[in-house]
Amino acid sequence: MHTTEIPQRAEMLRRATDLVPLIRDRAPGAEHLRRMDDDVVNALIETGILKMRVPVRYGGFESDTRGLVDVGIQLGRGDGAVGFTVALWWITSWIVGLFPDPVQDEVWGSDPDVLVCGTLAPTGMATAVDGGILVNGRWAFNSGAAHSQWKMLSAVLTTPDGGGEPVMALVPIKDIQVVDDWHVAGLRATGSVSMVADNLFIPQDRVIAIAPLMMQQYASKLNADRPIYRCPMIPAASASTIGKVAGLMMNAREAFFERLPGRGITYSGYGDQREAPRTHHQVAEAAMKIDEAEFHAYRLADLVDAKCAGGETWSVTERALARVAMGRVCQLAHDAIGIYNTASGGSSIFESVPIQRIVRDMEAINLHALNHPNTNMELYGRVLCGLEPDSPYL
């Protein structure tokens, strides 16, 4: 077992804050390349940010979710695509910690900096064979694939009665076909390419059923009593990713105010936009939305951390709250960034102006199935009305 000294939350926040200038500097080039910048990824590895959800016994930090929100905000301040990809790596690292302990040894045993990309949607099909499963399918949205060594995939395993059971599995990237199809409007630098499997054999040890995971029935024995693993999957994932959205709002604010001094409002009497009452209203409204987003982000993190520390059972309402908190922050961010964009003027459409990339990245984040404000609000309202949730992803 590693004896890594675990940095305090304030230290991780400092490290992330110090990376913001580098992340911003490399953001335009990374968007052009449609993948994360190598120097940024190396800096994230060197600072230990990518080990925040890796088990301590492999040299990870097992950071609480409030720490993830702190760091995620700073990464989002730097670039939405970096914040998005790091959050994905945090989530997949945490999920790997749910697999049987020998599988974790296989992933991290020789290198705690190993990265895992993947998604939860079971868009493949699997059949049982001697010693494992054969998988066929295509999986989109593999953020960070270019810098990952493993792929987490989900598929529907056919059952003897003709039905199907969703399962999750881990495969080395070298064993699966990578398709360079990431030509998109937003989050370009995440490099979220597709992957294809054609009769791919996966050993049974690296396959687990999804249904037990949703009921907090995890396969790892060594992680069972670790606080960060006393949590349902979806609240853990929501708390891991919510900070970068609040950070992206701050990114937009800083980009707007950097260009504000001396800018006039064309075809108006305002030679300085700062003098316009409309501008005062816009920046005040956006600032309040940022404050509200931070409230929801930290409230969710504190809920997750408190219940993990006490090993408390999650109610259905609390699980739905984790979904709606994510959706609400996305809605607030979409609205606040839209305000800054509207107030930025026609010259802001040039690619050299950060606000246009921030707008596109936020639009893409808002469309993510687990983030979508409308879906999450409806789910929460349904639960508040005493009805059974219509989704297992709670």
Protein backbone atom coordinates (compact mmCIF):
# COMPACT_ATOMS: atom_id res chain seq x y z
CA MET A 1 0.00 0.00 0.00
CA HIS A 2 1.24 3.48 -0.87
CA THR A 3 2.02 5.95 1.89
CA THR A 4 1.34 9.05 -0.19
CA GLU A 5 0.91 12.25 1.80
CA ILE A 6 -2.57 13.52 1.02
CA PRO A 7 -2.67 17.29 0.33
CA GLN A 8 -5.18 19.35 2.26
CA ARG A 9 -8.16 20.84 0.44
CA ALA A 10 -6.63 24.33 0.50
CA GLU A 11 -3.45 23.02 -1.12
CA MET A 12 -5.37 21.34 -3.95
CA LEU A 13 -7.30 24.58 -4.48
CA ARG A 14 -4.02 26.49 -4.71
CA ARG A 15 -2.61 24.03 -7.23
CA ALA A 16 -5.69 24.28 -9.40
CA THR A 17 -5.76 28.08 -9.21
CA ASP A 18 -2.11 28.23 -10.27
CA LEU A 19 -2.96 26.21 -13.41
CA VAL A 20 -5.62 28.64 -14.66
CA PRO A 21 -3.23 30.82 -16.74
CA LEU A 22 -1.75 27.77 -18.51
CA ILE A 23 -5.19 26.29 -19.16
CA ARG A 24 -6.48 29.56 -20.61
CA ASP A 25 -3.41 29.99 -22.76
CA ARG A 26 -3.77 26.53 -24.30
CA ALA A 27 -7.57 26.55 -24.66
CA PRO A 28 -7.75 27.90 -28.25
CA GLY A 29 -5.13 25.46 -29.52
CA ALA A 30 -6.78 22.53 -27.75
CA GLU A 31 -10.10 23.41 -29.32
CA HIS A 32 -8.45 23.46 -32.75
CA LEU A 33 -6.85 20.05 -32.12
CA ARG A 34 -10.14 18.66 -30.73
CA ARG A 35 -8.39 17.11 -27.71
CA MET A 36 -6.79 18.10 -24.43
CA ASP A 37 -3.45 19.91 -24.57
CA ASP A 38 -0.56 17.60 -23.61
CA ASP A 39 1.11 20.15 -21.33
CA VAL A 40 -2.17 20.78 -19.49
CA VAL A 41 -2.71 17.05 -18.96
CA ASN A 42 0.87 16.67 -17.71
CA ALA A 43 0.34 19.57 -15.30
CA LEU A 44 -2.87 17.99 -14.02
CA ILE A 45 -0.97 14.75 -13.42
CA GLU A 46 1.94 16.49 -11.71
CA THR A 47 -0.32 18.42 -9.35
CA GLY A 48 -2.19 15.25 -8.38
CA ILE A 49 -5.54 16.68 -9.50
CA LEU A 50 -6.26 13.54 -11.53
CA LYS A 51 -5.68 11.34 -8.45
CA MET A 52 -8.32 13.04 -6.32
CA ARG A 53 -10.74 10.08 -6.68
CA VAL A 54 -8.16 7.29 -6.84
CA PRO A 55 -7.96 5.00 -3.76
CA VAL A 56 -5.27 5.86 -1.22
CA ARG A 57 -3.74 2.41 -1.44
CA TYR A 58 -2.67 3.20 -5.03
CA GLY A 59 -1.27 6.62 -4.20
CA GLY A 60 -4.54 8.48 -4.68
CA PHE A 61 -6.10 11.07 -2.42
CA GLU A 62 -9.75 9.91 -2.01
CA SER A 63 -10.73 13.58 -1.87
CA ASP A 64 -14.12 14.61 -0.57
CA THR A 65 -16.58 16.21 -2.97
CA ARG A 66 -16.26 19.71 -1.50
CA GLY A 67 -12.63 19.54 -2.55
CA LEU A 68 -13.74 18.49 -6.03
CA VAL A 69 -16.04 21.50 -6.24
CA ASP A 70 -13.20 23.82 -5.17
CA VAL A 71 -10.85 22.45 -7.80
CA GLY A 72 -13.56 22.05 -10.44
CA ILE A 73 -14.46 25.75 -10.17
CA GLN A 74 -10.88 26.73 -10.91
CA LEU A 75 -10.60 24.35 -13.85
CA GLY A 76 -13.86 25.73 -15.27
CA ARG A 77 -12.46 29.25 -14.81
CA GLY A 78 -9.62 28.14 -17.04
CA ASP A 79 -11.55 26.27 -19.72
CA GLY A 80 -14.86 24.43 -19.82
CA ALA A 81 -13.43 21.50 -21.77
CA VAL A 82 -10.67 20.93 -19.21
CA GLY A 83 -13.16 21.10 -16.35
CA PHE A 84 -15.49 18.72 -18.15
CA THR A 85 -12.79 16.15 -18.94
CA VAL A 86 -11.25 16.18 -15.48
CA ALA A 87 -14.68 15.68 -13.92
CA LEU A 88 -15.20 12.70 -16.22
CA TRP A 89 -11.86 11.22 -15.13
CA TRP A 90 -12.82 11.74 -11.49
CA ILE A 91 -16.12 9.93 -12.03
CA THR A 92 -14.60 6.98 -13.87
CA SER A 93 -11.82 6.69 -11.27
CA TRP A 94 -14.46 6.50 -8.57
CA ILE A 95 -16.41 3.87 -10.51
CA VAL A 96 -13.31 1.74 -11.03
CA GLY A 97 -13.12 1.69 -7.23
CA LEU A 98 -16.45 -0.20 -7.23
CA PHE A 99 -15.03 -3.12 -9.24
CA PRO A 100 -13.51 -6.21 -7.58
CA ASP A 101 -10.21 -5.42 -5.91
CA PRO A 102 -8.09 -7.56 -8.31
CA VAL A 103 -9.47 -5.51 -11.22
CA GLN A 104 -8.40 -2.31 -9.48
CA ASP A 105 -4.94 -3.84 -9.11
CA GLU A 106 -4.95 -4.46 -12.85
CA VAL A 107 -5.83 -0.84 -13.61
CA TRP A 108 -3.77 1.03 -11.02
CA GLY A 109 -1.35 -1.52 -9.60
CA SER A 110 1.66 -0.27 -11.52
CA ASP A 111 0.65 3.37 -12.10
CA PRO A 112 -1.75 5.50 -10.03
CA ASP A 113 -1.84 8.08 -12.86
CA VAL A 114 -3.65 5.72 -15.23
CA LEU A 115 -6.73 7.40 -16.73
CA VAL A 116 -10.04 5.81 -17.66
CA CYS A 117 -12.55 7.25 -20.13
CA GLY A 118 -16.08 6.02 -20.64
CA THR A 119 -19.82 6.52 -20.39
CA LEU A 120 -22.76 4.94 -18.55
CA ALA A 121 -25.13 4.53 -21.52
CA PRO A 122 -25.43 0.81 -22.45
CA THR A 123 -25.16 1.27 -26.22
CA GLY A 124 -23.56 -2.13 -26.88
CA MET A 125 -24.79 -5.72 -26.78
CA ALA A 126 -23.07 -8.59 -24.98
CA THR A 127 -23.41 -12.35 -24.91
CA ALA A 128 -22.05 -14.70 -22.27
CA VAL A 129 -19.21 -17.01 -23.32
CA ASP A 130 -16.84 -19.24 -21.42
CA GLY A 131 -14.81 -17.07 -19.04
CA GLY A 132 -16.46 -13.75 -19.85
CA ILE A 133 -18.56 -11.91 -22.42
CA LEU A 134 -18.37 -11.00 -26.11
CA VAL A 135 -19.29 -7.39 -26.78
CA ASN A 136 -20.38 -5.61 -29.94
CA GLY A 137 -21.36 -1.98 -30.16
CA ARG A 138 -20.46 1.66 -30.49
CA TRP A 139 -19.98 4.12 -27.65
CA ALA A 140 -19.95 7.87 -28.23
CA PHE A 141 -18.71 10.73 -26.02
CA ASN A 142 -15.48 9.22 -24.68
CA SER A 143 -14.04 12.43 -23.26
CA GLY A 144 -10.30 12.38 -22.71
CA ALA A 145 -9.79 9.27 -24.81
CA ALA A 146 -6.49 10.47 -26.29
CA HIS A 147 -4.87 10.51 -22.86
CA SER A 148 -6.65 7.49 -21.34
CA GLN A 149 -5.33 3.95 -21.03
CA TRP A 150 -8.62 2.19 -20.21
CA LYS A 151 -12.19 2.42 -21.45
CA MET A 152 -15.26 1.86 -19.25
CA LEU A 153 -18.23 0.66 -21.31
CA SER A 154 -21.80 -0.43 -20.70
CA ALA A 155 -23.76 -3.00 -22.67
CA VAL A 156 -26.94 -5.07 -22.46
CA LEU A 157 -26.09 -8.69 -21.68
CA THR A 158 -28.63 -11.07 -23.17
CA THR A 159 -30.18 -13.43 -20.63
CA PRO A 160 -31.40 -17.03 -21.14
CA ASP A 161 -35.03 -15.92 -21.04
CA GLY A 162 -34.52 -13.59 -24.01
CA GLY A 163 -34.28 -10.47 -21.90
CA GLY A 164 -31.31 -8.26 -21.19
CA GLU A 165 -29.31 -7.06 -18.18
CA PRO A 166 -27.21 -3.87 -18.32
CA VAL A 167 -23.59 -4.50 -17.37
CA MET A 168 -20.47 -2.40 -17.07
CA ALA A 169 -16.98 -3.52 -18.10
CA LEU A 170 -13.39 -2.31 -18.34
CA VAL A 171 -11.13 -2.80 -21.35
CA PRO A 172 -7.70 -1.46 -22.28
CA ILE A 173 -7.89 1.23 -24.95
CA LYS A 174 -5.54 -0.80 -27.12
CA ASP A 175 -8.19 -3.53 -27.36
CA ILE A 176 -10.92 -1.34 -28.82
CA GLN A 177 -11.26 0.65 -32.03
CA VAL A 178 -11.10 4.43 -31.69
CA VAL A 179 -13.08 6.46 -34.26
CA ASP A 180 -11.99 10.06 -34.85
CA ASP A 181 -15.46 11.54 -35.25
CA TRP A 182 -15.42 14.42 -32.74
CA HIS A 183 -16.46 17.29 -35.05
CA VAL A 184 -18.82 19.30 -32.86
CA ALA A 185 -19.97 22.80 -31.92
CA GLY A 186 -18.98 22.78 -28.25
CA LEU A 187 -16.54 21.10 -25.85
CA ARG A 188 -14.30 20.38 -28.82
CA ALA A 189 -11.16 20.10 -26.67
CA THR A 190 -12.61 17.18 -24.70
CA GLY A 191 -11.75 14.88 -27.61
CA SER A 192 -14.90 12.85 -26.94
CA VAL A 193 -14.44 10.42 -29.81
CA SER A 194 -16.45 7.25 -30.37
CA MET A 195 -15.23 3.70 -29.79
CA VAL A 196 -16.32 0.48 -31.49
CA ALA A 197 -16.09 -3.17 -30.42
CA ASP A 198 -16.43 -6.10 -32.80
CA ASN A 199 -16.72 -9.42 -30.94
CA LEU A 200 -14.51 -8.06 -28.18
CA PHE A 201 -13.86 -10.59 -25.42
CA ILE A 202 -13.85 -9.22 -21.88
CA PRO A 203 -12.90 -11.48 -18.95
CA GLN A 204 -15.69 -12.02 -16.42
CA ASP A 205 -13.68 -10.42 -13.61
CA ARG A 206 -13.87 -7.10 -15.44
CA VAL A 207 -17.67 -7.24 -15.83
CA ILE A 208 -20.21 -6.12 -13.21
CA ALA A 209 -24.00 -5.71 -13.32
CA ILE A 210 -25.27 -2.12 -13.25
CA ALA A 211 -28.47 -2.78 -11.25
CA PRO A 212 -26.62 -3.63 -7.99
CA LEU A 213 -24.45 -0.52 -8.44
CA MET A 214 -27.56 1.65 -8.42
CA MET A 215 -28.50 0.02 -5.09
CA GLN A 216 -25.01 0.70 -3.63
CA GLN A 217 -24.08 -2.97 -3.81
CA TYR A 218 -20.46 -2.59 -4.84
CA ALA A 219 -18.01 -5.39 -5.64
CA SER A 220 -14.94 -3.96 -3.90
CA LYS A 221 -14.26 -5.26 -0.40
CA LEU A 222 -11.28 -3.03 0.38
CA ASN A 223 -13.18 0.16 -0.50
CA ALA A 224 -16.41 -0.79 1.27
CA ASP A 225 -15.62 1.17 4.43
CA ARG A 226 -13.89 4.13 2.77
CA PRO A 227 -16.05 7.27 3.18
CA ILE A 228 -16.08 8.33 -0.49
CA TYR A 229 -17.60 4.97 -1.49
CA ARG A 230 -20.56 5.19 0.91
CA CYS A 231 -22.58 6.99 -1.71
CA PRO A 232 -24.92 6.21 -4.60
CA MET A 233 -23.31 6.51 -8.01
CA ILE A 234 -25.35 9.42 -9.40
CA PRO A 235 -24.99 11.78 -6.40
CA ALA A 236 -21.26 11.02 -6.38
CA ALA A 237 -21.06 11.81 -10.10
CA SER A 238 -23.14 14.99 -9.83
CA ALA A 239 -21.03 16.35 -6.98
CA SER A 240 -17.88 15.53 -8.96
CA THR A 241 -18.88 17.54 -12.00
CA ILE A 242 -20.99 20.41 -10.70
CA GLY A 243 -18.07 22.71 -9.77
CA LYS A 244 -16.76 23.15 -13.30
CA VAL A 245 -20.10 24.64 -14.38
CA ALA A 246 -19.94 27.34 -11.69
CA GLY A 247 -16.34 27.94 -12.74
CA LEU A 248 -17.33 28.39 -16.38
CA MET A 249 -19.71 31.16 -15.28
CA MET A 250 -16.79 32.90 -13.58
CA ASN A 251 -14.74 32.41 -16.73
CA ALA A 252 -17.40 34.28 -18.68
CA ARG A 253 -17.52 37.06 -16.07
CA GLU A 254 -13.76 37.58 -16.14
CA ALA A 255 -13.67 37.49 -19.94
CA PHE A 256 -16.42 40.11 -20.09
CA PHE A 257 -14.88 42.51 -17.59
CA GLU A 258 -11.47 42.23 -19.22
CA ARG A 259 -12.91 43.70 -22.42
CA LEU A 260 -15.28 46.19 -20.75
CA PRO A 261 -13.08 49.25 -20.02
CA GLY A 262 -13.27 51.76 -22.86
CA ARG A 263 -15.79 49.78 -24.91
CA GLY A 264 -18.67 51.79 -26.24
CA ILE A 265 -22.13 50.66 -27.28
CA THR A 266 -22.30 51.11 -31.04
CA TYR A 267 -25.13 53.25 -32.42
CA SER A 268 -25.93 54.60 -28.97
CA GLY A 269 -24.94 57.59 -26.87
CA TYR A 270 -22.71 55.50 -24.62
CA GLY A 271 -19.03 55.92 -25.35
CA ASP A 272 -18.28 53.72 -22.34
CA GLN A 273 -20.44 50.67 -21.77
CA ARG A 274 -19.81 50.91 -18.02
CA GLU A 275 -21.99 54.02 -17.87
CA ALA A 276 -25.08 52.31 -19.28
CA PRO A 277 -27.79 51.37 -16.72
CA ARG A 278 -28.55 48.34 -18.85
CA THR A 279 -25.00 47.08 -18.29
CA HIS A 280 -25.38 47.59 -14.53
CA HIS A 281 -28.50 45.46 -14.54
CA GLN A 282 -26.89 42.77 -16.69
CA VAL A 283 -23.74 42.30 -14.62
CA ALA A 284 -25.70 42.38 -11.36
CA GLU A 285 -28.15 39.74 -12.56
CA ALA A 286 -25.36 37.50 -13.82
CA ALA A 287 -23.42 37.90 -10.57
CA MET A 288 -26.44 36.80 -8.56
CA LYS A 289 -26.82 33.72 -10.74
CA ILE A 290 -23.17 32.83 -10.07
CA ASP A 291 -23.78 33.15 -6.34
CA GLU A 292 -26.85 30.92 -6.60
CA ALA A 293 -24.93 28.32 -8.60
CA GLU A 294 -22.16 28.22 -5.98
CA PHE A 295 -24.80 27.69 -3.30
CA HIS A 296 -26.28 24.66 -5.07
CA ALA A 297 -22.83 23.24 -5.86
CA TYR A 298 -21.54 23.43 -2.31
CA ARG A 299 -24.84 22.36 -0.76
CA LEU A 300 -24.75 19.18 -2.86
CA ALA A 301 -21.10 18.56 -2.00
CA ASP A 302 -21.77 19.02 1.71
CA LEU A 303 -24.76 16.68 1.55
CA VAL A 304 -22.68 13.99 -0.16
CA ASP A 305 -19.75 14.38 2.22
CA ALA A 306 -21.91 14.39 5.35
CA LYS A 307 -23.84 11.28 4.36
CA CYS A 308 -20.64 9.51 3.28
CA ALA A 309 -18.94 10.30 6.58
CA GLY A 310 -21.85 8.90 8.54
CA GLY A 311 -22.63 6.02 6.21
CA GLU A 312 -26.23 7.23 6.08
CA THR A 313 -28.94 5.88 3.80
CA TRP A 314 -30.06 8.10 0.94
CA SER A 315 -33.76 8.80 0.48
CA VAL A 316 -35.26 8.90 -3.00
CA THR A 317 -35.83 12.64 -2.56
CA GLU A 318 -32.16 13.22 -1.72
CA ARG A 319 -31.10 11.20 -4.74
CA ALA A 320 -33.39 13.26 -6.97
CA LEU A 321 -32.04 16.44 -5.35
CA ALA A 322 -28.56 15.49 -6.57
CA ARG A 323 -29.91 15.41 -10.12
CA VAL A 324 -31.88 18.64 -9.87
CA ALA A 325 -28.97 20.51 -8.25
CA MET A 326 -26.84 19.68 -11.27
CA GLY A 327 -29.62 20.71 -13.63
CA ARG A 328 -30.25 23.95 -11.75
CA VAL A 329 -26.60 24.97 -11.84
CA CYS A 330 -26.53 24.25 -15.58
CA GLN A 331 -29.63 26.41 -16.09
CA LEU A 332 -28.16 29.27 -14.05
CA ALA A 333 -24.87 29.01 -15.93
CA HIS A 334 -26.61 28.95 -19.30
CA ASP A 335 -28.55 32.09 -18.37
CA ALA A 336 -25.62 33.99 -16.81
CA ILE A 337 -23.25 33.21 -19.66
CA GLY A 338 -25.97 34.26 -22.09
CA ILE A 339 -26.19 37.62 -20.34
CA TYR A 340 -22.45 38.21 -20.64
CA ASN A 341 -22.58 37.11 -24.27
CA THR A 342 -25.43 39.47 -25.12
CA ALA A 343 -23.59 42.33 -23.43
CA SER A 344 -20.32 41.58 -25.25
CA GLY A 345 -21.25 43.13 -28.58
CA GLY A 346 -20.76 42.06 -32.17
CA SER A 347 -16.97 42.00 -31.94
CA SER A 348 -17.20 39.06 -29.54
CA ILE A 349 -18.01 36.61 -32.33
CA PHE A 350 -14.35 36.40 -33.32
CA GLU A 351 -12.68 33.16 -32.26
CA SER A 352 -9.99 35.14 -30.46
CA VAL A 353 -12.60 36.33 -27.93
CA PRO A 354 -13.12 33.71 -25.20
CA ILE A 355 -16.84 34.34 -24.64
CA GLN A 356 -17.84 32.62 -27.89
CA ARG A 357 -16.08 29.41 -26.88
CA ILE A 358 -17.55 29.62 -23.38
CA VAL A 359 -21.07 29.96 -24.82
CA ARG A 360 -20.63 26.93 -27.08
CA ASP A 361 -19.12 24.82 -24.30
CA MET A 362 -21.97 25.69 -21.94
CA GLU A 363 -24.54 24.84 -24.58
CA ALA A 364 -22.96 21.40 -24.97
CA ILE A 365 -22.82 20.84 -21.21
CA ASN A 366 -26.49 21.76 -20.90
CA LEU A 367 -27.47 19.16 -23.47
CA HIS A 368 -25.80 16.29 -21.59
CA ALA A 369 -28.48 13.79 -20.59
CA LEU A 370 -27.59 13.77 -16.89
CA ASN A 371 -27.26 17.57 -16.78
CA HIS A 372 -30.33 18.66 -18.73
CA PRO A 373 -32.28 21.17 -16.59
CA ASN A 374 -35.72 20.19 -17.91
CA THR A 375 -35.20 16.46 -17.39
CA ASN A 376 -33.81 16.88 -13.90
CA MET A 377 -36.45 19.38 -12.80
CA GLU A 378 -39.23 17.06 -13.98
CA LEU A 379 -37.68 14.11 -12.14
CA TYR A 380 -37.38 16.06 -8.90
CA GLY A 381 -40.94 17.37 -9.15
CA ARG A 382 -42.23 13.88 -9.82
CA VAL A 383 -40.58 12.60 -6.63
CA LEU A 384 -41.85 15.58 -4.62
CA CYS A 385 -45.38 14.65 -5.77
CA GLY A 386 -44.99 11.22 -4.21
CA LEU A 387 -44.63 9.32 -7.48
CA GLU A 388 -42.02 6.69 -8.19
CA PRO A 389 -39.06 8.01 -10.19
CA ASP A 390 -39.22 7.05 -13.86
CA SER A 391 -35.45 6.64 -14.14
CA PRO A 392 -33.04 4.23 -12.43
CA TYR A 393 -30.29 6.85 -12.65
CA LEU A 394 -30.67 8.22 -9.12
